[in-house]
Amino acid sequence: MQYYDLCCRYRGRMVRINDRHGRTHVGRILNVTQRRVFIQPMQGGRGFGGFGYFGGYGYGYGYGAAYGVALGAITGIALASLFFI
């Protein structure tokens, strides 16, 4: 259960998750269950543009729809902020 505890500790933070299928998931952890971690993926990049709240233009990163990653498929988790410095 080490990944469960780690995901609970990083809940609400930007992380980078590697799975055993060779995929890398970068996003914010929204929820954690005993079998799955739900992340809201980061899309786009740093910069300007795009629609923000209330129909205006926003700045920074955008987020996509949340999806689940099986805890049994995870091979590594790191805080994503370490990679954006």
PDB file of N, CA and C in Angstrom:
ATOM      1  N   MET A   1       0.812  -1.206   0.000  1.00  0.00           N
ATOM      2  CA  MET A   1       0.000   0.000   0.000  1.00  0.00           C
ATOM      3  C   MET A   1       0.854   1.268   0.000  1.00  0.00           C
ATOM      4  N   GLN A   2       2.117   1.194  -0.364  1.00  0.00           N
ATOM      5  CA  GLN A   2       2.966   2.374  -0.307  1.00  0.00           C
ATOM      6  C   GLN A   2       2.529   3.441  -1.299  1.00  0.00           C
ATOM      7  N   TYR A   3       2.052   3.067  -2.514  1.00  0.00           N
ATOM      8  CA  TYR A   3       1.599   4.068  -3.468  1.00  0.00           C
ATOM      9  C   TYR A   3       0.292   4.716  -3.024  1.00  0.00           C
ATOM     10  N   TYR A   4      -0.555   3.964  -2.339  1.00  0.00           N
ATOM     11  CA  TYR A   4      -1.788   4.537  -1.798  1.00  0.00           C
ATOM     12  C   TYR A   4      -1.451   5.661  -0.820  1.00  0.00           C
ATOM     13  N   ASP A   5      -0.544   5.387   0.115  1.00  0.00           N
ATOM     14  CA  ASP A   5      -0.150   6.394   1.109  1.00  0.00           C
ATOM     15  C   ASP A   5       0.507   7.602   0.450  1.00  0.00           C
ATOM     16  N   LEU A   6       1.350   7.351  -0.546  1.00  0.00           N
ATOM     17  CA  LEU A   6       2.025   8.438  -1.236  1.00  0.00           C
ATOM     18  C   LEU A   6       1.029   9.307  -2.005  1.00  0.00           C
ATOM     19  N   CYS A   7       0.067   8.658  -2.672  1.00  0.00           N
ATOM     20  CA  CYS A   7      -0.961   9.406  -3.397  1.00  0.00           C
ATOM     21  C   CYS A   7      -1.825  10.228  -2.443  1.00  0.00           C
ATOM     22  N   CYS A   8      -2.142   9.663  -1.287  1.00  0.00           N
ATOM     23  CA  CYS A   8      -2.918  10.415  -0.289  1.00  0.00           C
ATOM     24  C   CYS A   8      -2.137  11.630   0.193  1.00  0.00           C
ATOM     25  N   ARG A   9      -0.842  11.474   0.379  1.00  0.00           N
ATOM     26  CA  ARG A   9      -0.013  12.583   0.840  1.00  0.00           C
ATOM     27  C   ARG A   9       0.077  13.691  -0.213  1.00  0.00           C
ATOM     28  N   TYR A  10       0.085  13.320  -1.506  1.00  0.00           N
ATOM     29  CA  TYR A  10       0.205  14.295  -2.596  1.00  0.00           C
ATOM     30  C   TYR A  10      -1.144  14.755  -3.138  1.00  0.00           C
ATOM     31  N   ARG A  11      -2.220  14.408  -2.499  1.00  0.00           N
ATOM     32  CA  ARG A  11      -3.561  14.797  -2.961  1.00  0.00           C
ATOM     33  C   ARG A  11      -3.663  16.318  -3.097  1.00  0.00           C
ATOM     34  N   GLY A  12      -4.165  16.762  -4.266  1.00  0.00           N
ATOM     35  CA  GLY A  12      -4.304  18.184  -4.535  1.00  0.00           C
ATOM     36  C   GLY A  12      -3.056  18.822  -5.124  1.00  0.00           C
ATOM     37  N   ARG A  13      -2.004  18.048  -5.294  1.00  0.00           N
ATOM     38  CA  ARG A  13      -0.747  18.588  -5.815  1.00  0.00           C
ATOM     39  C   ARG A  13      -0.471  18.036  -7.208  1.00  0.00           C
ATOM     40  N   MET A  14       0.351  18.770  -7.950  1.00  0.00           N
ATOM     41  CA  MET A  14       0.761  18.334  -9.276  1.00  0.00           C
ATOM     42  C   MET A  14       1.806  17.230  -9.140  1.00  0.00           C
ATOM     43  N   VAL A  15       1.584  16.108  -9.825  1.00  0.00           N
ATOM     44  CA  VAL A  15       2.504  14.975  -9.758  1.00  0.00           C
ATOM     45  C   VAL A  15       2.794  14.453 -11.156  1.00  0.00           C
ATOM     46  N   ARG A  16       3.846  13.671 -11.243  1.00  0.00           N
ATOM     47  CA  ARG A  16       4.165  12.917 -12.453  1.00  0.00           C
ATOM     48  C   ARG A  16       4.151  11.450 -12.072  1.00  0.00           C
ATOM     49  N   ILE A  17       3.265  10.665 -12.709  1.00  0.00           N
ATOM     50  CA  ILE A  17       3.105   9.248 -12.400  1.00  0.00           C
ATOM     51  C   ILE A  17       3.537   8.438 -13.609  1.00  0.00           C
ATOM     52  N   ASN A  18       4.414   7.468 -13.387  1.00  0.00           N
ATOM     53  CA  ASN A  18       4.816   6.528 -14.429  1.00  0.00           C
ATOM     54  C   ASN A  18       4.126   5.204 -14.157  1.00  0.00           C
ATOM     55  N   ASP A  19       3.612   4.570 -15.228  1.00  0.00           N
ATOM     56  CA  ASP A  19       2.967   3.271 -15.034  1.00  0.00           C
ATOM     57  C   ASP A  19       3.740   2.165 -15.745  1.00  0.00           C
ATOM     58  N   ARG A  20       3.365   0.938 -15.491  1.00  0.00           N
ATOM     59  CA  ARG A  20       4.103  -0.204 -16.037  1.00  0.00           C
ATOM     60  C   ARG A  20       3.900  -0.388 -17.535  1.00  0.00           C
ATOM     61  N   HIS A  21       3.011   0.381 -18.137  1.00  0.00           N
ATOM     62  CA  HIS A  21       2.790   0.331 -19.577  1.00  0.00           C
ATOM     63  C   HIS A  21       3.658   1.350 -20.314  1.00  0.00           C
ATOM     64  N   GLY A  22       4.514   2.058 -19.572  1.00  0.00           N
ATOM     65  CA  GLY A  22       5.422   3.026 -20.159  1.00  0.00           C
ATOM     66  C   GLY A  22       4.837   4.415 -20.343  1.00  0.00           C
ATOM     67  N   ARG A  23       3.621   4.632 -19.846  1.00  0.00           N
ATOM     68  CA  ARG A  23       2.989   5.946 -19.969  1.00  0.00           C
ATOM     69  C   ARG A  23       3.355   6.826 -18.785  1.00  0.00           C
ATOM     70  N   THR A  24       3.397   8.130 -19.054  1.00  0.00           N
ATOM     71  CA  THR A  24       3.638   9.123 -18.014  1.00  0.00           C
ATOM     72  C   THR A  24       2.403  10.001 -17.909  1.00  0.00           C
ATOM     73  N   HIS A  25       1.882  10.149 -16.700  1.00  0.00           N
ATOM     74  CA  HIS A  25       0.696  10.959 -16.441  1.00  0.00           C
ATOM     75  C   HIS A  25       1.120  12.151 -15.599  1.00  0.00           C
ATOM     76  N   VAL A  26       0.853  13.364 -16.091  1.00  0.00           N
ATOM     77  CA  VAL A  26       1.179  14.573 -15.348  1.00  0.00           C
ATOM     78  C   VAL A  26      -0.121  15.305 -15.066  1.00  0.00           C
ATOM     79  N   GLY A  27      -0.389  15.566 -13.801  1.00  0.00           N
ATOM     80  CA  GLY A  27      -1.614  16.258 -13.429  1.00  0.00           C
ATOM     81  C   GLY A  27      -1.751  16.380 -11.929  1.00  0.00           C
ATOM     82  N   ARG A  28      -2.911  16.862 -11.518  1.00  0.00           N
ATOM     83  CA  ARG A  28      -3.205  17.081 -10.098  1.00  0.00           C
ATOM     84  C   ARG A  28      -4.033  15.916  -9.578  1.00  0.00           C
ATOM     85  N   ILE A  29      -3.654  15.359  -8.439  1.00  0.00           N
ATOM     86  CA  ILE A  29      -4.407  14.262  -7.829  1.00  0.00           C
ATOM     87  C   ILE A  29      -5.683  14.826  -7.219  1.00  0.00           C
ATOM     88  N   LEU A  30      -6.827  14.306  -7.695  1.00  0.00           N
ATOM     89  CA  LEU A  30      -8.118  14.750  -7.178  1.00  0.00           C
ATOM     90  C   LEU A  30      -8.663  13.839  -6.091  1.00  0.00           C
ATOM     91  N   ASN A  31      -8.484  12.521  -6.282  1.00  0.00           N
ATOM     92  CA  ASN A  31      -9.054  11.564  -5.336  1.00  0.00           C
ATOM     93  C   ASN A  31      -8.216  10.292  -5.357  1.00  0.00           C
ATOM     94  N   VAL A  32      -8.239   9.560  -4.254  1.00  0.00           N
ATOM     95  CA  VAL A  32      -7.509   8.303  -4.141  1.00  0.00           C
ATOM     96  C   VAL A  32      -8.421   7.283  -3.482  1.00  0.00           C
ATOM     97  N   THR A  33      -8.528   6.106  -4.095  1.00  0.00           N
ATOM     98  CA  THR A  33      -9.235   4.987  -3.474  1.00  0.00           C
ATOM     99  C   THR A  33      -8.213   3.885  -3.218  1.00  0.00           C
ATOM    100  N   GLN A  34      -8.654   2.785  -2.657  1.00  0.00           N
ATOM    101  CA  GLN A  34      -7.750   1.667  -2.390  1.00  0.00           C
ATOM    102  C   GLN A  34      -7.174   1.056  -3.672  1.00  0.00           C
ATOM    103  N   ARG A  35      -7.847   1.255  -4.816  1.00  0.00           N
ATOM    104  CA  ARG A  35      -7.408   0.614  -6.064  1.00  0.00           C
ATOM    105  C   ARG A  35      -6.996   1.589  -7.160  1.00  0.00           C
ATOM    106  N   ARG A  36      -7.326   2.876  -7.023  1.00  0.00           N
ATOM    107  CA  ARG A  36      -7.153   3.811  -8.123  1.00  0.00           C
ATOM    108  C   ARG A  36      -6.839   5.208  -7.622  1.00  0.00           C
ATOM    109  N   VAL A  37      -6.034   5.918  -8.413  1.00  0.00           N
ATOM    110  CA  VAL A  37      -5.786   7.339  -8.154  1.00  0.00           C
ATOM    111  C   VAL A  37      -6.386   8.106  -9.329  1.00  0.00           C
ATOM    112  N   PHE A  38      -7.130   9.161  -9.027  1.00  0.00           N
ATOM    113  CA  PHE A  38      -7.779   9.965 -10.060  1.00  0.00           C
ATOM    114  C   PHE A  38      -7.017  11.267 -10.211  1.00  0.00           C
ATOM    115  N   ILE A  39      -6.539  11.512 -11.441  1.00  0.00           N
ATOM    116  CA  ILE A  39      -5.791  12.727 -11.684  1.00  0.00           C
ATOM    117  C   ILE A  39      -6.473  13.568 -12.752  1.00  0.00           C
ATOM    118  N   GLN A  40      -6.304  14.855 -12.611  1.00  0.00           N
ATOM    119  CA  GLN A  40      -6.799  15.810 -13.594  1.00  0.00           C
ATOM    120  C   GLN A  40      -5.573  16.230 -14.400  1.00  0.00           C
ATOM    121  N   PRO A  41      -5.490  15.777 -15.663  1.00  0.00           N
ATOM    122  CA  PRO A  41      -4.254  15.989 -16.424  1.00  0.00           C
ATOM    123  C   PRO A  41      -4.013  17.446 -16.778  1.00  0.00           C
ATOM    124  N   MET A  42      -2.745  17.786 -16.835  1.00  0.00           N
ATOM    125  CA  MET A  42      -2.350  19.109 -17.273  1.00  0.00           C
ATOM    126  C   MET A  42      -2.301  19.076 -18.793  1.00  0.00           C
ATOM    127  N   GLN A  43      -2.846  20.088 -19.419  1.00  0.00           N
ATOM    128  CA  GLN A  43      -2.771  20.165 -20.877  1.00  0.00           C
ATOM    129  C   GLN A  43      -2.283  21.544 -21.273  1.00  0.00           C
ATOM    130  N   GLY A  44      -1.719  21.637 -22.431  1.00  0.00           N
ATOM    131  CA  GLY A  44      -1.163  22.915 -22.869  1.00  0.00           C
ATOM    132  C   GLY A  44       0.162  23.160 -22.198  1.00  0.00           C
ATOM    133  N   GLY A  45       0.542  24.398 -22.108  1.00  0.00           N
ATOM    134  CA  GLY A  45       1.817  24.738 -21.495  1.00  0.00           C
ATOM    135  C   GLY A  45       1.739  26.062 -20.789  1.00  0.00           C
ATOM    136  N   ARG A  46       2.845  26.475 -20.269  1.00  0.00           N
ATOM    137  CA  ARG A  46       2.913  27.744 -19.567  1.00  0.00           C
ATOM    138  C   ARG A  46       2.746  28.855 -20.594  1.00  0.00           C
ATOM    139  N   GLY A  47       1.999  29.867 -20.255  1.00  0.00           N
ATOM    140  CA  GLY A  47       1.852  30.970 -21.192  1.00  0.00           C
ATOM    141  C   GLY A  47       0.490  31.615 -21.115  1.00  0.00           C
ATOM    142  N   PHE A  48       0.117  32.292 -22.180  1.00  0.00           N
ATOM    143  CA  PHE A  48      -1.104  33.078 -22.212  1.00  0.00           C
ATOM    144  C   PHE A  48      -2.141  32.417 -23.090  1.00  0.00           C
ATOM    145  N   GLY A  49      -3.344  32.901 -22.983  1.00  0.00           N
ATOM    146  CA  GLY A  49      -4.389  32.486 -23.901  1.00  0.00           C
ATOM    147  C   GLY A  49      -5.307  31.436 -23.330  1.00  0.00           C
ATOM    148  N   GLY A  50      -6.369  31.161 -24.076  1.00  0.00           N
ATOM    149  CA  GLY A  50      -7.361  30.186 -23.645  1.00  0.00           C
ATOM    150  C   GLY A  50      -8.426  30.840 -22.806  1.00  0.00           C
ATOM    151  N   PHE A  51      -9.560  30.209 -22.739  1.00  0.00           N
ATOM    152  CA  PHE A  51     -10.637  30.756 -21.939  1.00  0.00           C
ATOM    153  C   PHE A  51     -10.442  30.394 -20.479  1.00  0.00           C
ATOM    154  N   GLY A  52     -10.692  31.348 -19.615  1.00  0.00           N
ATOM    155  CA  GLY A  52     -10.568  31.132 -18.181  1.00  0.00           C
ATOM    156  C   GLY A  52     -11.945  31.072 -17.546  1.00  0.00           C
ATOM    157  N   TYR A  53     -12.022  31.387 -16.288  1.00  0.00           N
ATOM    158  CA  TYR A  53     -13.288  31.379 -15.570  1.00  0.00           C
ATOM    159  C   TYR A  53     -14.198  32.498 -16.058  1.00  0.00           C
ATOM    160  N   PHE A  54     -15.490  32.273 -16.034  1.00  0.00           N
ATOM    161  CA  PHE A  54     -16.513  33.256 -16.383  1.00  0.00           C
ATOM    162  C   PHE A  54     -16.395  33.763 -17.819  1.00  0.00           C
ATOM    163  N   GLY A  55     -15.847  32.944 -18.718  1.00  0.00           N
ATOM    164  CA  GLY A  55     -15.787  33.295 -20.129  1.00  0.00           C
ATOM    165  C   GLY A  55     -14.694  34.265 -20.507  1.00  0.00           C
ATOM    166  N   GLY A  56     -13.854  34.674 -19.563  1.00  0.00           N
ATOM    167  CA  GLY A  56     -12.758  35.587 -19.885  1.00  0.00           C
ATOM    168  C   GLY A  56     -11.521  34.820 -20.293  1.00  0.00           C
ATOM    169  N   TYR A  57     -10.490  35.519 -20.622  1.00  0.00           N
ATOM    170  CA  TYR A  57      -9.233  34.863 -20.967  1.00  0.00           C
ATOM    171  C   TYR A  57      -8.424  34.608 -19.714  1.00  0.00           C
ATOM    172  N   GLY A  58      -7.716  33.465 -19.687  1.00  0.00           N
ATOM    173  CA  GLY A  58      -6.946  33.094 -18.513  1.00  0.00           C
ATOM    174  C   GLY A  58      -5.475  32.951 -18.836  1.00  0.00           C
ATOM    175  N   TYR A  59      -4.694  32.730 -17.810  1.00  0.00           N
ATOM    176  CA  TYR A  59      -3.257  32.571 -17.938  1.00  0.00           C
ATOM    177  C   TYR A  59      -2.859  31.254 -17.308  1.00  0.00           C
ATOM    178  N   GLY A  60      -1.695  30.709 -17.709  1.00  0.00           N
ATOM    179  CA  GLY A  60      -1.129  29.549 -17.042  1.00  0.00           C
ATOM    180  C   GLY A  60      -1.578  28.241 -17.655  1.00  0.00           C
ATOM    181  N   TYR A  61      -1.646  27.217 -16.832  1.00  0.00           N
ATOM    182  CA  TYR A  61      -1.941  25.866 -17.279  1.00  0.00           C
ATOM    183  C   TYR A  61      -3.441  25.618 -17.321  1.00  0.00           C
ATOM    184  N   GLY A  62      -3.846  24.775 -18.253  1.00  0.00           N
ATOM    185  CA  GLY A  62      -5.227  24.334 -18.308  1.00  0.00           C
ATOM    186  C   GLY A  62      -5.294  22.884 -17.860  1.00  0.00           C
ATOM    187  N   TYR A  63      -6.472  22.423 -17.504  1.00  0.00           N
ATOM    188  CA  TYR A  63      -6.637  21.053 -17.037  1.00  0.00           C
ATOM    189  C   TYR A  63      -7.720  20.370 -17.830  1.00  0.00           C
ATOM    190  N   GLY A  64      -7.545  19.077 -18.060  1.00  0.00           N
ATOM    191  CA  GLY A  64      -8.535  18.286 -18.770  1.00  0.00           C
ATOM    192  C   GLY A  64      -9.418  17.538 -17.792  1.00  0.00           C
ATOM    193  N   ALA A  65     -10.240  16.638 -18.342  1.00  0.00           N
ATOM    194  CA  ALA A  65     -11.142  15.826 -17.526  1.00  0.00           C
ATOM    195  C   ALA A  65     -10.338  14.801 -16.724  1.00  0.00           C
ATOM    196  N   ALA A  66     -10.758  14.554 -15.494  1.00  0.00           N
ATOM    197  CA  ALA A  66     -10.065  13.613 -14.620  1.00  0.00           C
ATOM    198  C   ALA A  66     -10.261  12.182 -15.102  1.00  0.00           C
ATOM    199  N   TYR A  67      -9.266  11.336 -14.841  1.00  0.00           N
ATOM    200  CA  TYR A  67      -9.348   9.916 -15.151  1.00  0.00           C
ATOM    201  C   TYR A  67      -8.592   9.132 -14.089  1.00  0.00           C
ATOM    202  N   GLY A  68      -8.839   7.830 -14.032  1.00  0.00           N
ATOM    203  CA  GLY A  68      -8.231   6.999 -13.006  1.00  0.00           C
ATOM    204  C   GLY A  68      -7.050   6.202 -13.522  1.00  0.00           C
ATOM    205  N   VAL A  69      -6.068   6.002 -12.661  1.00  0.00           N
ATOM    206  CA  VAL A  69      -4.917   5.151 -12.934  1.00  0.00           C
ATOM    207  C   VAL A  69      -4.895   4.095 -11.834  1.00  0.00           C
ATOM    208  N   ALA A  70      -4.786   2.830 -12.217  1.00  0.00           N
ATOM    209  CA  ALA A  70      -4.770   1.749 -11.237  1.00  0.00           C
ATOM    210  C   ALA A  70      -3.507   1.827 -10.384  1.00  0.00           C
ATOM    211  N   LEU A  71      -3.662   1.722  -9.069  1.00  0.00           N
ATOM    212  CA  LEU A  71      -2.512   1.777  -8.177  1.00  0.00           C
ATOM    213  C   LEU A  71      -1.546   0.634  -8.455  1.00  0.00           C
ATOM    214  N   GLY A  72      -2.062  -0.515  -8.890  1.00  0.00           N
ATOM    215  CA  GLY A  72      -1.202  -1.660  -9.190  1.00  0.00           C
ATOM    216  C   GLY A  72      -0.333  -1.459 -10.417  1.00  0.00           C
ATOM    217  N   ALA A  73      -0.675  -0.502 -11.275  1.00  0.00           N
ATOM    218  CA  ALA A  73       0.089  -0.252 -12.495  1.00  0.00           C
ATOM    219  C   ALA A  73       1.159   0.813 -12.306  1.00  0.00           C
ATOM    220  N   ILE A  74       1.180   1.480 -11.160  1.00  0.00           N
ATOM    221  CA  ILE A  74       2.113   2.584 -10.938  1.00  0.00           C
ATOM    222  C   ILE A  74       3.510   2.050 -10.636  1.00  0.00           C
ATOM    223  N   THR A  75       4.506   2.629 -11.301  1.00  0.00           N
ATOM    224  CA  THR A  75       5.901   2.253 -11.041  1.00  0.00           C
ATOM    225  C   THR A  75       6.690   3.393 -10.408  1.00  0.00           C
ATOM    226  N   GLY A  76       6.145   4.610 -10.435  1.00  0.00           N
ATOM    227  CA  GLY A  76       6.848   5.734  -9.817  1.00  0.00           C
ATOM    228  C   GLY A  76       5.975   6.968  -9.727  1.00  0.00           C
ATOM    229  N   ILE A  77       6.166   7.748  -8.667  1.00  0.00           N
ATOM    230  CA  ILE A  77       5.433   9.003  -8.460  1.00  0.00           C
ATOM    231  C   ILE A  77       6.436  10.051  -7.989  1.00  0.00           C
ATOM    232  N   ALA A  78       6.351  11.228  -8.584  1.00  0.00           N
ATOM    233  CA  ALA A  78       7.196  12.349  -8.158  1.00  0.00           C
ATOM    234  C   ALA A  78       6.389  13.631  -8.262  1.00  0.00           C
ATOM    235  N   LEU A  79       6.718  14.599  -7.445  1.00  0.00           N
ATOM    236  CA  LEU A  79       6.052  15.896  -7.535  1.00  0.00           C
ATOM    237  C   LEU A  79       6.416  16.527  -8.869  1.00  0.00           C
ATOM    238  N   ALA A  80       5.417  16.969  -9.614  1.00  0.00           N
ATOM    239  CA  ALA A  80       5.651  17.534 -10.927  1.00  0.00           C
ATOM    240  C   ALA A  80       6.371  18.865 -10.870  1.00  0.00           C
ATOM    241  N   SER A  81       6.232  19.590  -9.780  1.00  0.00           N
ATOM    242  CA  SER A  81       6.895  20.893  -9.676  1.00  0.00           C
ATOM    243  C   SER A  81       8.407  20.766  -9.772  1.00  0.00           C
ATOM    244  N   LEU A  82       8.956  19.608  -9.457  1.00  0.00           N
ATOM    245  CA  LEU A  82      10.395  19.390  -9.550  1.00  0.00           C
ATOM    246  C   LEU A  82      10.866  19.411 -10.996  1.00  0.00           C
ATOM    247  N   PHE A  83       9.958  19.138 -11.941  1.00  0.00           N
ATOM    248  CA  PHE A  83      10.333  19.054 -13.347  1.00  0.00           C
ATOM    249  C   PHE A  83      10.078  20.339 -14.099  1.00  0.00           C
ATOM    250  N   PHE A  84       9.443  21.326 -13.486  1.00  0.00           N
ATOM    251  CA  PHE A  84       9.124  22.571 -14.154  1.00  0.00           C
ATOM    252  C   PHE A  84      10.008  23.729 -13.713  1.00  0.00           C
ATOM    253  N   ILE A  85      11.064  23.435 -12.997  1.00  0.00           N
ATOM    254  CA  ILE A  85      11.946  24.494 -12.502  1.00  0.00           C
ATOM    255  C   ILE A  85      12.896  24.928 -13.585  1.00  0.00           C
TER     256      ILE A  85
END
